[in-house]
Every structure is written in structure tokens, then in C-alpha cells.
Amino acid sequence: MEIVVLATTERNNKIFQTILVVRFIVISPLPTIIARRQINAYSSVFNRSCMDFAIFLTMGIVVSSFALPIILARPSSPVIDLEACYLTLAGNIVIYVTYLGFFLTLFQDDGSYTWGI
């Protein structure tokens, strides 16, 4: 998150458009968390479709958070500097890899911690 905030202060950038990516970062895990909670609360036939739709929404948010700085830094009419775009993309990679690691370790079965014993 610090890299994304640092991108807003890049070289006297008066327009703080890259900070808009923060809202995508904040809301990106919400569809998956809500769907996981609904699956655990209500055991029904639609569990798989609910989770698929949540993953679809999450992927749309993730793609949007990568696309926004690229579109703002397009060469025809740049709104932000290329350095700010690169910093925002690097921050997105770090944050989403952290989210991925968190969800993979949080939602795996307890049986996988046996270590061959």
C-alpha cells in the first residue's frame, strides 16, 4: 500500500489520480469473503455458482486496478507520469500476491498440516 501512496507524490504530481486504485485494493477481497461466508452459512446446490460469481467479480476488480494506471498514463494524453504508473503497478503486484497468500493459507483444510507424520 505504501508503494501506491508513494506513486501519488511522484515528481510534483498535482493530480492524485493513482490514489483511486486504493479503493479497488480495499474492495477486491469482499466478494470472495462474502461468498465464502454464504457457502458456510447455507448449504445449498448453488454453492459452486455463488463462488464462481464471486471470483468473477474479484477478477474484474483486480483487472480494473491494473488497467486504471495504464489508461491514465497513456501517451496520447497522460494524466499521470510513467513513474507513478510503474510504482502503482508494482504496489498492486505486492498487495495482490499478499492477498493470494492470505486466502490460500486461510481457506485450506486442516489435513494438509500433517508434514508427512
PDB file of N, CA and C in Angstrom:
ATOM      1  N   MET A   1       0.827  -1.184   0.000  1.00  0.00           N
ATOM      2  CA  MET A   1       0.000   0.000   0.000  1.00  0.00           C
ATOM      3  C   MET A   1       0.876   1.253   0.000  1.00  0.00           C
ATOM      4  N   GLU A   2       2.039   1.144   0.617  1.00  0.00           N
ATOM      5  CA  GLU A   2       2.923   2.308   0.662  1.00  0.00           C
ATOM      6  C   GLU A   2       3.427   2.688  -0.723  1.00  0.00           C
ATOM      7  N   ILE A   3       3.633   1.694  -1.573  1.00  0.00           N
ATOM      8  CA  ILE A   3       4.118   1.990  -2.920  1.00  0.00           C
ATOM      9  C   ILE A   3       3.053   2.734  -3.715  1.00  0.00           C
ATOM     10  N   VAL A   4       1.800   2.383  -3.530  1.00  0.00           N
ATOM     11  CA  VAL A   4       0.714   3.066  -4.237  1.00  0.00           C
ATOM     12  C   VAL A   4       0.582   4.504  -3.742  1.00  0.00           C
ATOM     13  N   VAL A   5       0.717   4.711  -2.442  1.00  0.00           N
ATOM     14  CA  VAL A   5       0.657   6.071  -1.904  1.00  0.00           C
ATOM     15  C   VAL A   5       1.882   6.860  -2.348  1.00  0.00           C
ATOM     16  N   LEU A   6       3.042   6.213  -2.424  1.00  0.00           N
ATOM     17  CA  LEU A   6       4.246   6.884  -2.903  1.00  0.00           C
ATOM     18  C   LEU A   6       4.103   7.317  -4.358  1.00  0.00           C
ATOM     19  N   ALA A   7       3.361   6.563  -5.136  1.00  0.00           N
ATOM     20  CA  ALA A   7       3.159   6.910  -6.549  1.00  0.00           C
ATOM     21  C   ALA A   7       2.385   8.210  -6.708  1.00  0.00           C
ATOM     22  N   THR A   8       1.566   8.569  -5.734  1.00  0.00           N
ATOM     23  CA  THR A   8       0.807   9.816  -5.844  1.00  0.00           C
ATOM     24  C   THR A   8       1.691  11.037  -5.646  1.00  0.00           C
ATOM     25  N   THR A   9       2.820  10.870  -4.968  1.00  0.00           N
ATOM     26  CA  THR A   9       3.697  12.012  -4.710  1.00  0.00           C
ATOM     27  C   THR A   9       4.851  12.081  -5.690  1.00  0.00           C
ATOM     28  N   GLU A  10       4.811  11.312  -6.735  1.00  0.00           N
ATOM     29  CA  GLU A  10       5.902  11.254  -7.697  1.00  0.00           C
ATOM     30  C   GLU A  10       6.054  12.571  -8.448  1.00  0.00           C
ATOM     31  N   ARG A  11       7.199  13.203  -8.342  1.00  0.00           N
ATOM     32  CA  ARG A  11       7.618  14.392  -9.092  1.00  0.00           C
ATOM     33  C   ARG A  11       6.573  15.489  -9.194  1.00  0.00           C
ATOM     34  N   ASN A  12       6.190  16.047  -8.084  1.00  0.00           N
ATOM     35  CA  ASN A  12       5.249  17.176  -8.043  1.00  0.00           C
ATOM     36  C   ASN A  12       3.962  16.892  -8.802  1.00  0.00           C
ATOM     37  N   ASN A  13       3.481  15.702  -8.661  1.00  0.00           N
ATOM     38  CA  ASN A  13       2.251  15.307  -9.345  1.00  0.00           C
ATOM     39  C   ASN A  13       1.076  15.962  -8.628  1.00  0.00           C
ATOM     40  N   LYS A  14       0.506  16.977  -9.216  1.00  0.00           N
ATOM     41  CA  LYS A  14      -0.593  17.709  -8.582  1.00  0.00           C
ATOM     42  C   LYS A  14      -1.912  16.935  -8.628  1.00  0.00           C
ATOM     43  N   ILE A  15      -2.009  16.011  -9.565  1.00  0.00           N
ATOM     44  CA  ILE A  15      -3.238  15.240  -9.721  1.00  0.00           C
ATOM     45  C   ILE A  15      -3.042  13.898  -9.026  1.00  0.00           C
ATOM     46  N   PHE A  16      -3.854  13.617  -8.031  1.00  0.00           N
ATOM     47  CA  PHE A  16      -3.713  12.405  -7.236  1.00  0.00           C
ATOM     48  C   PHE A  16      -4.640  11.307  -7.754  1.00  0.00           C
ATOM     49  N   GLN A  17      -4.563  11.023  -9.047  1.00  0.00           N
ATOM     50  CA  GLN A  17      -5.437  10.026  -9.657  1.00  0.00           C
ATOM     51  C   GLN A  17      -5.050   8.599  -9.283  1.00  0.00           C
ATOM     52  N   THR A  18      -3.774   8.359  -8.994  1.00  0.00           N
ATOM     53  CA  THR A  18      -3.365   6.993  -8.677  1.00  0.00           C
ATOM     54  C   THR A  18      -3.893   6.524  -7.332  1.00  0.00           C
ATOM     55  N   ILE A  19      -4.308   7.435  -6.482  1.00  0.00           N
ATOM     56  CA  ILE A  19      -4.863   7.042  -5.186  1.00  0.00           C
ATOM     57  C   ILE A  19      -6.238   6.390  -5.365  1.00  0.00           C
ATOM     58  N   LEU A  20      -6.842   6.530  -6.551  1.00  0.00           N
ATOM     59  CA  LEU A  20      -8.114   5.865  -6.826  1.00  0.00           C
ATOM     60  C   LEU A  20      -7.972   4.352  -6.856  1.00  0.00           C
ATOM     61  N   VAL A  21      -6.766   3.877  -7.082  1.00  0.00           N
ATOM     62  CA  VAL A  21      -6.525   2.434  -7.099  1.00  0.00           C
ATOM     63  C   VAL A  21      -6.731   1.839  -5.706  1.00  0.00           C
ATOM     64  N   VAL A  22      -6.562   2.646  -4.677  1.00  0.00           N
ATOM     65  CA  VAL A  22      -6.706   2.151  -3.301  1.00  0.00           C
ATOM     66  C   VAL A  22      -8.113   1.612  -3.064  1.00  0.00           C
ATOM     67  N   ARG A  23      -9.114   2.231  -3.637  1.00  0.00           N
ATOM     68  CA  ARG A  23     -10.478   1.715  -3.428  1.00  0.00           C
ATOM     69  C   ARG A  23     -10.646   0.336  -4.062  1.00  0.00           C
ATOM     70  N   PHE A  24      -9.986   0.089  -5.210  1.00  0.00           N
ATOM     71  CA  PHE A  24     -10.022  -1.250  -5.788  1.00  0.00           C
ATOM     72  C   PHE A  24      -9.321  -2.251  -4.886  1.00  0.00           C
ATOM     73  N   ILE A  25      -8.211  -1.832  -4.290  1.00  0.00           N
ATOM     74  CA  ILE A  25      -7.465  -2.723  -3.402  1.00  0.00           C
ATOM     75  C   ILE A  25      -8.282  -3.064  -2.164  1.00  0.00           C
ATOM     76  N   VAL A  26      -9.017  -2.111  -1.654  1.00  0.00           N
ATOM     77  CA  VAL A  26      -9.814  -2.334  -0.437  1.00  0.00           C
ATOM     78  C   VAL A  26     -11.011  -3.237  -0.714  1.00  0.00           C
ATOM     79  N   ILE A  27     -11.691  -3.047  -1.846  1.00  0.00           N
ATOM     80  CA  ILE A  27     -12.907  -3.830  -2.081  1.00  0.00           C
ATOM     81  C   ILE A  27     -12.662  -5.149  -2.810  1.00  0.00           C
ATOM     82  N   SER A  28     -11.436  -5.403  -3.258  1.00  0.00           N
ATOM     83  CA  SER A  28     -11.199  -6.622  -4.031  1.00  0.00           C
ATOM     84  C   SER A  28     -11.453  -7.927  -3.277  1.00  0.00           C
ATOM     85  N   PRO A  29     -11.122  -8.067  -1.998  1.00  0.00           N
ATOM     86  CA  PRO A  29     -11.410  -9.355  -1.344  1.00  0.00           C
ATOM     87  C   PRO A  29     -12.854  -9.507  -0.874  1.00  0.00           C
ATOM     88  N   LEU A  30     -13.645  -8.461  -0.923  1.00  0.00           N
ATOM     89  CA  LEU A  30     -15.002  -8.527  -0.370  1.00  0.00           C
ATOM     90  C   LEU A  30     -15.913  -9.554  -1.045  1.00  0.00           C
ATOM     91  N   PRO A  31     -15.976  -9.666  -2.384  1.00  0.00           N
ATOM     92  CA  PRO A  31     -16.869 -10.677  -2.968  1.00  0.00           C
ATOM     93  C   PRO A  31     -16.525 -12.099  -2.541  1.00  0.00           C
ATOM     94  N   THR A  32     -15.233 -12.407  -2.463  1.00  0.00           N
ATOM     95  CA  THR A  32     -14.824 -13.750  -2.074  1.00  0.00           C
ATOM     96  C   THR A  32     -15.144 -14.021  -0.605  1.00  0.00           C
ATOM     97  N   ILE A  33     -14.925 -13.036   0.246  1.00  0.00           N
ATOM     98  CA  ILE A  33     -15.230 -13.209   1.674  1.00  0.00           C
ATOM     99  C   ILE A  33     -16.727 -13.395   1.882  1.00  0.00           C
ATOM    100  N   ILE A  34     -17.537 -12.597   1.206  1.00  0.00           N
ATOM    101  CA  ILE A  34     -18.996 -12.715   1.348  1.00  0.00           C
ATOM    102  C   ILE A  34     -19.484 -14.054   0.817  1.00  0.00           C
ATOM    103  N   ALA A  35     -18.960 -14.477  -0.329  1.00  0.00           N
ATOM    104  CA  ALA A  35     -19.390 -15.765  -0.891  1.00  0.00           C
ATOM    105  C   ALA A  35     -18.966 -16.920   0.000  1.00  0.00           C
ATOM    106  N   ARG A  36     -17.783 -16.868   0.547  1.00  0.00           N
ATOM    107  CA  ARG A  36     -17.315 -17.933   1.436  1.00  0.00           C
ATOM    108  C   ARG A  36     -18.191 -18.008   2.690  1.00  0.00           C
ATOM    109  N   ARG A  37     -18.590 -16.865   3.182  1.00  0.00           N
ATOM    110  CA  ARG A  37     -19.462 -16.840   4.358  1.00  0.00           C
ATOM    111  C   ARG A  37     -20.848 -17.398   4.034  1.00  0.00           C
ATOM    112  N   GLN A  38     -21.375 -17.065   2.860  1.00  0.00           N
ATOM    113  CA  GLN A  38     -22.685 -17.575   2.460  1.00  0.00           C
ATOM    114  C   GLN A  38     -22.646 -19.081   2.234  1.00  0.00           C
ATOM    115  N   ILE A  39     -21.555 -19.576   1.673  1.00  0.00           N
ATOM    116  CA  ILE A  39     -21.423 -21.017   1.452  1.00  0.00           C
ATOM    117  C   ILE A  39     -21.388 -21.753   2.778  1.00  0.00           C
ATOM    118  N   ASN A  40     -20.664 -21.211   3.757  1.00  0.00           N
ATOM    119  CA  ASN A  40     -20.583 -21.853   5.064  1.00  0.00           C
ATOM    120  C   ASN A  40     -21.894 -21.753   5.834  1.00  0.00           C
ATOM    121  N   ALA A  41     -22.647 -20.685   5.646  1.00  0.00           N
ATOM    122  CA  ALA A  41     -23.887 -20.493   6.392  1.00  0.00           C
ATOM    123  C   ALA A  41     -25.038 -21.305   5.811  1.00  0.00           C
ATOM    124  N   TYR A  42     -25.127 -21.335   4.496  1.00  0.00           N
ATOM    125  CA  TYR A  42     -26.247 -22.008   3.839  1.00  0.00           C
ATOM    126  C   TYR A  42     -25.709 -23.099   2.931  1.00  0.00           C
ATOM    127  N   SER A  43     -25.976 -24.331   3.270  1.00  0.00           N
ATOM    128  CA  SER A  43     -25.548 -25.435   2.424  1.00  0.00           C
ATOM    129  C   SER A  43     -26.629 -25.694   1.380  1.00  0.00           C
ATOM    130  N   SER A  44     -26.327 -25.341   0.139  1.00  0.00           N
ATOM    131  CA  SER A  44     -27.325 -25.499  -0.921  1.00  0.00           C
ATOM    132  C   SER A  44     -26.644 -25.978  -2.200  1.00  0.00           C
ATOM    133  N   VAL A  45     -27.448 -26.131  -3.220  1.00  0.00           N
ATOM    134  CA  VAL A  45     -26.961 -26.607  -4.511  1.00  0.00           C
ATOM    135  C   VAL A  45     -26.185 -25.514  -5.240  1.00  0.00           C
ATOM    136  N   PHE A  46     -26.441 -24.258  -4.930  1.00  0.00           N
ATOM    137  CA  PHE A  46     -25.867 -23.139  -5.664  1.00  0.00           C
ATOM    138  C   PHE A  46     -24.527 -22.671  -5.100  1.00  0.00           C
ATOM    139  N   ASN A  47     -23.884 -23.458  -4.261  1.00  0.00           N
ATOM    140  CA  ASN A  47     -22.627 -23.035  -3.651  1.00  0.00           C
ATOM    141  C   ASN A  47     -21.542 -22.771  -4.682  1.00  0.00           C
ATOM    142  N   ARG A  48     -21.393 -23.672  -5.632  1.00  0.00           N
ATOM    143  CA  ARG A  48     -20.333 -23.520  -6.621  1.00  0.00           C
ATOM    144  C   ARG A  48     -20.572 -22.314  -7.525  1.00  0.00           C
ATOM    145  N   SER A  49     -21.811 -22.099  -7.928  1.00  0.00           N
ATOM    146  CA  SER A  49     -22.093 -20.951  -8.790  1.00  0.00           C
ATOM    147  C   SER A  49     -21.913 -19.639  -8.034  1.00  0.00           C
ATOM    148  N   CYS A  50     -22.225 -19.634  -6.756  1.00  0.00           N
ATOM    149  CA  CYS A  50     -22.020 -18.429  -5.941  1.00  0.00           C
ATOM    150  C   CYS A  50     -20.530 -18.106  -5.847  1.00  0.00           C
ATOM    151  N   MET A  51     -19.713 -19.104  -5.622  1.00  0.00           N
ATOM    152  CA  MET A  51     -18.267 -18.882  -5.524  1.00  0.00           C
ATOM    153  C   MET A  51     -17.676 -18.488  -6.878  1.00  0.00           C
ATOM    154  N   ASP A  52     -18.167 -19.082  -7.962  1.00  0.00           N
ATOM    155  CA  ASP A  52     -17.690 -18.707  -9.292  1.00  0.00           C
ATOM    156  C   ASP A  52     -18.010 -17.249  -9.611  1.00  0.00           C
ATOM    157  N   PHE A  53     -19.208 -16.805  -9.240  1.00  0.00           N
ATOM    158  CA  PHE A  53     -19.581 -15.416  -9.468  1.00  0.00           C
ATOM    159  C   PHE A  53     -18.727 -14.472  -8.619  1.00  0.00           C
ATOM    160  N   ALA A  54     -18.421 -14.862  -7.393  1.00  0.00           N
ATOM    161  CA  ALA A  54     -17.575 -14.036  -6.525  1.00  0.00           C
ATOM    162  C   ALA A  54     -16.158 -13.927  -7.088  1.00  0.00           C
ATOM    163  N   ILE A  55     -15.633 -15.021  -7.612  1.00  0.00           N
ATOM    164  CA  ILE A  55     -14.300 -14.987  -8.219  1.00  0.00           C
ATOM    165  C   ILE A  55     -14.320 -14.135  -9.483  1.00  0.00           C
ATOM    166  N   PHE A  56     -15.401 -14.193 -10.255  1.00  0.00           N
ATOM    167  CA  PHE A  56     -15.548 -13.350 -11.439  1.00  0.00           C
ATOM    168  C   PHE A  56     -15.531 -11.870 -11.061  1.00  0.00           C
ATOM    169  N   LEU A  57     -16.270 -11.500 -10.021  1.00  0.00           N
ATOM    170  CA  LEU A  57     -16.276 -10.104  -9.568  1.00  0.00           C
ATOM    171  C   LEU A  57     -14.904  -9.677  -9.059  1.00  0.00           C
ATOM    172  N   THR A  58     -14.259 -10.552  -8.315  1.00  0.00           N
ATOM    173  CA  THR A  58     -12.933 -10.232  -7.789  1.00  0.00           C
ATOM    174  C   THR A  58     -11.934 -10.036  -8.914  1.00  0.00           C
ATOM    175  N   MET A  59     -11.978 -10.886  -9.925  1.00  0.00           N
ATOM    176  CA  MET A  59     -11.059 -10.736 -11.045  1.00  0.00           C
ATOM    177  C   MET A  59     -11.328  -9.452 -11.830  1.00  0.00           C
ATOM    178  N   GLY A  60     -12.584  -9.070 -11.945  1.00  0.00           N
ATOM    179  CA  GLY A  60     -12.904  -7.801 -12.597  1.00  0.00           C
ATOM    180  C   GLY A  60     -12.331  -6.617 -11.845  1.00  0.00           C
ATOM    181  N   ILE A  61     -12.387  -6.664 -10.522  1.00  0.00           N
ATOM    182  CA  ILE A  61     -11.827  -5.587  -9.704  1.00  0.00           C
ATOM    183  C   ILE A  61     -10.310  -5.565  -9.814  1.00  0.00           C
ATOM    184  N   VAL A  62      -9.689  -6.735  -9.806  1.00  0.00           N
ATOM    185  CA  VAL A  62      -8.226  -6.801  -9.904  1.00  0.00           C
ATOM    186  C   VAL A  62      -7.749  -6.280 -11.262  1.00  0.00           C
ATOM    187  N   VAL A  63      -8.399  -6.687 -12.325  1.00  0.00           N
ATOM    188  CA  VAL A  63      -8.025  -6.204 -13.659  1.00  0.00           C
ATOM    189  C   VAL A  63      -8.228  -4.696 -13.754  1.00  0.00           C
ATOM    190  N   SER A  64      -9.286  -4.187 -13.143  1.00  0.00           N
ATOM    191  CA  SER A  64      -9.524  -2.739 -13.160  1.00  0.00           C
ATOM    192  C   SER A  64      -8.439  -1.985 -12.408  1.00  0.00           C
ATOM    193  N   SER A  65      -7.944  -2.558 -11.320  1.00  0.00           N
ATOM    194  CA  SER A  65      -6.899  -1.863 -10.567  1.00  0.00           C
ATOM    195  C   SER A  65      -5.572  -1.846 -11.322  1.00  0.00           C
ATOM    196  N   PHE A  66      -5.345  -2.809 -12.202  1.00  0.00           N
ATOM    197  CA  PHE A  66      -4.152  -2.763 -13.045  1.00  0.00           C
ATOM    198  C   PHE A  66      -4.371  -1.881 -14.272  1.00  0.00           C
ATOM    199  N   ALA A  67      -5.583  -1.829 -14.787  1.00  0.00           N
ATOM    200  CA  ALA A  67      -5.852  -1.083 -16.014  1.00  0.00           C
ATOM    201  C   ALA A  67      -5.934   0.427 -15.788  1.00  0.00           C
ATOM    202  N   LEU A  68      -6.405   0.850 -14.623  1.00  0.00           N
ATOM    203  CA  LEU A  68      -6.589   2.286 -14.381  1.00  0.00           C
ATOM    204  C   LEU A  68      -5.294   3.077 -14.510  1.00  0.00           C
ATOM    205  N   PRO A  69      -4.190   2.683 -13.853  1.00  0.00           N
ATOM    206  CA  PRO A  69      -2.969   3.484 -14.033  1.00  0.00           C
ATOM    207  C   PRO A  69      -2.407   3.421 -15.454  1.00  0.00           C
ATOM    208  N   ILE A  70      -2.601   2.306 -16.131  1.00  0.00           N
ATOM    209  CA  ILE A  70      -2.113   2.206 -17.513  1.00  0.00           C
ATOM    210  C   ILE A  70      -2.888   3.156 -18.413  1.00  0.00           C
ATOM    211  N   ILE A  71      -4.189   3.237 -18.223  1.00  0.00           N
ATOM    212  CA  ILE A  71      -5.007   4.145 -19.028  1.00  0.00           C
ATOM    213  C   ILE A  71      -4.703   5.601 -18.696  1.00  0.00           C
ATOM    214  N   LEU A  72      -4.454   5.894 -17.415  1.00  0.00           N
ATOM    215  CA  LEU A  72      -4.134   7.271 -17.034  1.00  0.00           C
ATOM    216  C   LEU A  72      -2.766   7.719 -17.543  1.00  0.00           C
ATOM    217  N   ALA A  73      -1.874   6.775 -17.827  1.00  0.00           N
ATOM    218  CA  ALA A  73      -0.535   7.123 -18.307  1.00  0.00           C
ATOM    219  C   ALA A  73      -0.373   6.928 -19.812  1.00  0.00           C
ATOM    220  N   ARG A  74      -1.443   6.821 -20.550  1.00  0.00           N
ATOM    221  CA  ARG A  74      -1.337   6.603 -21.996  1.00  0.00           C
ATOM    222  C   ARG A  74      -0.619   7.783 -22.649  1.00  0.00           C
ATOM    223  N   PRO A  75       0.141   7.498 -23.696  1.00  0.00           N
ATOM    224  CA  PRO A  75       1.000   8.533 -24.297  1.00  0.00           C
ATOM    225  C   PRO A  75       0.241   9.672 -24.972  1.00  0.00           C
ATOM    226  N   SER A  76      -0.968   9.436 -25.447  1.00  0.00           N
ATOM    227  CA  SER A  76      -1.666  10.489 -26.181  1.00  0.00           C
ATOM    228  C   SER A  76      -2.027  11.675 -25.289  1.00  0.00           C
ATOM    229  N   SER A  77      -2.502  11.414 -24.099  1.00  0.00           N
ATOM    230  CA  SER A  77      -2.817  12.499 -23.160  1.00  0.00           C
ATOM    231  C   SER A  77      -2.568  12.002 -21.737  1.00  0.00           C
ATOM    232  N   PRO A  78      -1.323  12.042 -21.285  1.00  0.00           N
ATOM    233  CA  PRO A  78      -1.011  11.479 -19.965  1.00  0.00           C
ATOM    234  C   PRO A  78      -1.570  12.328 -18.822  1.00  0.00           C
ATOM    235  N   VAL A  79      -2.233  11.663 -17.917  1.00  0.00           N
ATOM    236  CA  VAL A  79      -2.732  12.320 -16.712  1.00  0.00           C
ATOM    237  C   VAL A  79      -1.729  12.149 -15.581  1.00  0.00           C
ATOM    238  N   ILE A  80      -1.058  10.993 -15.549  1.00  0.00           N
ATOM    239  CA  ILE A  80      -0.032  10.731 -14.547  1.00  0.00           C
ATOM    240  C   ILE A  80       1.283  10.409 -15.253  1.00  0.00           C
ATOM    241  N   ASP A  81       2.383  10.521 -14.519  1.00  0.00           N
ATOM    242  CA  ASP A  81       3.696  10.181 -15.077  1.00  0.00           C
ATOM    243  C   ASP A  81       3.843   8.677 -15.210  1.00  0.00           C
ATOM    244  N   LEU A  82       4.773   8.258 -16.063  1.00  0.00           N
ATOM    245  CA  LEU A  82       5.046   6.829 -16.210  1.00  0.00           C
ATOM    246  C   LEU A  82       5.635   6.237 -14.931  1.00  0.00           C
ATOM    247  N   GLU A  83       6.419   7.034 -14.204  1.00  0.00           N
ATOM    248  CA  GLU A  83       6.977   6.543 -12.944  1.00  0.00           C
ATOM    249  C   GLU A  83       5.876   6.233 -11.941  1.00  0.00           C
ATOM    250  N   ALA A  84       4.868   7.091 -11.884  1.00  0.00           N
ATOM    251  CA  ALA A  84       3.738   6.849 -10.990  1.00  0.00           C
ATOM    252  C   ALA A  84       2.960   5.612 -11.419  1.00  0.00           C
ATOM    253  N   CYS A  85       2.846   5.408 -12.719  1.00  0.00           N
ATOM    254  CA  CYS A  85       2.177   4.211 -13.235  1.00  0.00           C
ATOM    255  C   CYS A  85       2.940   2.958 -12.836  1.00  0.00           C
ATOM    256  N   TYR A  86       4.271   2.989 -12.997  1.00  0.00           N
ATOM    257  CA  TYR A  86       5.085   1.816 -12.641  1.00  0.00           C
ATOM    258  C   TYR A  86       5.037   1.534 -11.152  1.00  0.00           C
ATOM    259  N   LEU A  87       5.086   2.572 -10.331  1.00  0.00           N
ATOM    260  CA  LEU A  87       5.005   2.367  -8.884  1.00  0.00           C
ATOM    261  C   LEU A  87       3.647   1.798  -8.480  1.00  0.00           C
ATOM    262  N   THR A  88       2.588   2.277  -9.113  1.00  0.00           N
ATOM    263  CA  THR A  88       1.256   1.761  -8.797  1.00  0.00           C
ATOM    264  C   THR A  88       1.124   0.299  -9.202  1.00  0.00           C
ATOM    265  N   LEU A  89       1.643  -0.060 -10.365  1.00  0.00           N
ATOM    266  CA  LEU A  89       1.588  -1.454 -10.800  1.00  0.00           C
ATOM    267  C   LEU A  89       2.423  -2.351  -9.892  1.00  0.00           C
ATOM    268  N   ALA A  90       3.584  -1.871  -9.462  1.00  0.00           N
ATOM    269  CA  ALA A  90       4.410  -2.658  -8.535  1.00  0.00           C
ATOM    270  C   ALA A  90       3.699  -2.831  -7.190  1.00  0.00           C
ATOM    271  N   GLY A  91       3.066  -1.776  -6.718  1.00  0.00           N
ATOM    272  CA  GLY A  91       2.294  -1.877  -5.477  1.00  0.00           C
ATOM    273  C   GLY A  91       1.136  -2.844  -5.608  1.00  0.00           C
ATOM    274  N   ASN A  92       0.461  -2.833  -6.746  1.00  0.00           N
ATOM    275  CA  ASN A  92      -0.637  -3.776  -6.977  1.00  0.00           C
ATOM    276  C   ASN A  92      -0.146  -5.214  -6.943  1.00  0.00           C
ATOM    277  N   ILE A  93       0.995  -5.472  -7.566  1.00  0.00           N
ATOM    278  CA  ILE A  93       1.527  -6.834  -7.568  1.00  0.00           C
ATOM    279  C   ILE A  93       1.826  -7.296  -6.147  1.00  0.00           C
ATOM    280  N   VAL A  94       2.462  -6.452  -5.370  1.00  0.00           N
ATOM    281  CA  VAL A  94       2.801  -6.815  -3.983  1.00  0.00           C
ATOM    282  C   VAL A  94       1.533  -7.069  -3.165  1.00  0.00           C
ATOM    283  N   ILE A  95       0.553  -6.208  -3.296  1.00  0.00           N
ATOM    284  CA  ILE A  95      -0.668  -6.332  -2.495  1.00  0.00           C
ATOM    285  C   ILE A  95      -1.468  -7.564  -2.904  1.00  0.00           C
ATOM    286  N   TYR A  96      -1.607  -7.817  -4.196  1.00  0.00           N
ATOM    287  CA  TYR A  96      -2.417  -8.958  -4.616  1.00  0.00           C
ATOM    288  C   TYR A  96      -1.723 -10.296  -4.382  1.00  0.00           C
ATOM    289  N   VAL A  97      -0.403 -10.333  -4.416  1.00  0.00           N
ATOM    290  CA  VAL A  97       0.298 -11.563  -4.042  1.00  0.00           C
ATOM    291  C   VAL A  97       0.109 -11.825  -2.546  1.00  0.00           C
ATOM    292  N   THR A  98       0.105 -10.766  -1.745  1.00  0.00           N
ATOM    293  CA  THR A  98      -0.164 -10.913  -0.314  1.00  0.00           C
ATOM    294  C   THR A  98      -1.587 -11.410  -0.071  1.00  0.00           C
ATOM    295  N   TYR A  99      -2.558 -10.851  -0.778  1.00  0.00           N
ATOM    296  CA  TYR A  99      -3.938 -11.335  -0.671  1.00  0.00           C
ATOM    297  C   TYR A  99      -4.039 -12.805  -1.059  1.00  0.00           C
ATOM    298  N   LEU A 100      -3.382 -13.182  -2.131  1.00  0.00           N
ATOM    299  CA  LEU A 100      -3.425 -14.568  -2.599  1.00  0.00           C
ATOM    300  C   LEU A 100      -2.846 -15.511  -1.550  1.00  0.00           C
ATOM    301  N   GLY A 101      -1.714 -15.155  -0.989  1.00  0.00           N
ATOM    302  CA  GLY A 101      -1.126 -15.982   0.058  1.00  0.00           C
ATOM    303  C   GLY A 101      -2.010 -16.080   1.280  1.00  0.00           C
ATOM    304  N   PHE A 102      -2.655 -14.978   1.646  1.00  0.00           N
ATOM    305  CA  PHE A 102      -3.557 -14.979   2.782  1.00  0.00           C
ATOM    306  C   PHE A 102      -4.738 -15.908   2.547  1.00  0.00           C
ATOM    307  N   PHE A 103      -5.365 -15.812   1.390  1.00  0.00           N
ATOM    308  CA  PHE A 103      -6.535 -16.643   1.121  1.00  0.00           C
ATOM    309  C   PHE A 103      -6.169 -18.117   0.944  1.00  0.00           C
ATOM    310  N   LEU A 104      -5.003 -18.393   0.382  1.00  0.00           N
ATOM    311  CA  LEU A 104      -4.599 -19.788   0.222  1.00  0.00           C
ATOM    312  C   LEU A 104      -4.307 -20.449   1.570  1.00  0.00           C
ATOM    313  N   THR A 105      -3.708 -19.725   2.492  1.00  0.00           N
ATOM    314  CA  THR A 105      -3.430 -20.321   3.799  1.00  0.00           C
ATOM    315  C   THR A 105      -4.639 -20.309   4.715  1.00  0.00           C
ATOM    316  N   LEU A 106      -5.506 -19.340   4.574  1.00  0.00           N
ATOM    317  CA  LEU A 106      -6.659 -19.247   5.468  1.00  0.00           C
ATOM    318  C   LEU A 106      -7.721 -20.281   5.150  1.00  0.00           C
ATOM    319  N   PHE A 107      -7.954 -20.552   3.873  1.00  0.00           N
ATOM    320  CA  PHE A 107      -9.073 -21.403   3.491  1.00  0.00           C
ATOM    321  C   PHE A 107      -8.670 -22.807   3.061  1.00  0.00           C
ATOM    322  N   GLN A 108      -7.518 -23.298   3.488  1.00  0.00           N
ATOM    323  CA  GLN A 108      -7.192 -24.678   3.171  1.00  0.00           C
ATOM    324  C   GLN A 108      -7.597 -25.582   4.324  1.00  0.00           C
ATOM    325  N   ASP A 109      -7.727 -26.860   4.015  1.00  0.00           N
ATOM    326  CA  ASP A 109      -8.170 -27.825   5.014  1.00  0.00           C
ATOM    327  C   ASP A 109      -7.093 -28.035   6.073  1.00  0.00           C
ATOM    328  N   ASP A 110      -7.531 -28.482   7.265  1.00  0.00           N
ATOM    329  CA  ASP A 110      -6.585 -28.724   8.346  1.00  0.00           C
ATOM    330  C   ASP A 110      -5.748 -29.960   8.103  1.00  0.00           C
ATOM    331  N   GLY A 111      -6.198 -30.857   7.244  1.00  0.00           N
ATOM    332  CA  GLY A 111      -5.475 -32.082   6.971  1.00  0.00           C
ATOM    333  C   GLY A 111      -4.163 -31.880   6.247  1.00  0.00           C
ATOM    334  N   SER A 112      -3.922 -30.731   5.681  1.00  0.00           N
ATOM    335  CA  SER A 112      -2.705 -30.503   4.919  1.00  0.00           C
ATOM    336  C   SER A 112      -1.511 -30.119   5.805  1.00  0.00           C
ATOM    337  N   TYR A 113      -1.705 -29.986   7.100  1.00  0.00           N
ATOM    338  CA  TYR A 113      -0.633 -29.619   8.006  1.00  0.00           C
ATOM    339  C   TYR A 113       0.005 -30.834   8.681  1.00  0.00           C
ATOM    340  N   THR A 114      -0.037 -31.991   8.055  1.00  0.00           N
ATOM    341  CA  THR A 114       0.470 -33.200   8.697  1.00  0.00           C
ATOM    342  C   THR A 114       1.984 -33.333   8.593  1.00  0.00           C
ATOM    343  N   TRP A 115       2.616 -32.767   7.590  1.00  0.00           N
ATOM    344  CA  TRP A 115       4.051 -32.780   7.366  1.00  0.00           C
ATOM    345  C   TRP A 115       4.574 -34.193   7.253  1.00  0.00           C
ATOM    346  N   GLY A 116       3.781 -35.104   6.724  1.00  0.00           N
ATOM    347  CA  GLY A 116       4.232 -36.463   6.478  1.00  0.00           C
ATOM    348  C   GLY A 116       4.287 -37.341   7.704  1.00  0.00           C
ATOM    349  N   ILE A 117       3.670 -36.952   8.769  1.00  0.00           N
ATOM    350  CA  ILE A 117       3.699 -37.732  10.007  1.00  0.00           C
ATOM    351  C   ILE A 117       2.538 -38.713  10.021  1.00  0.00           C
TER     352      ILE A 117
END
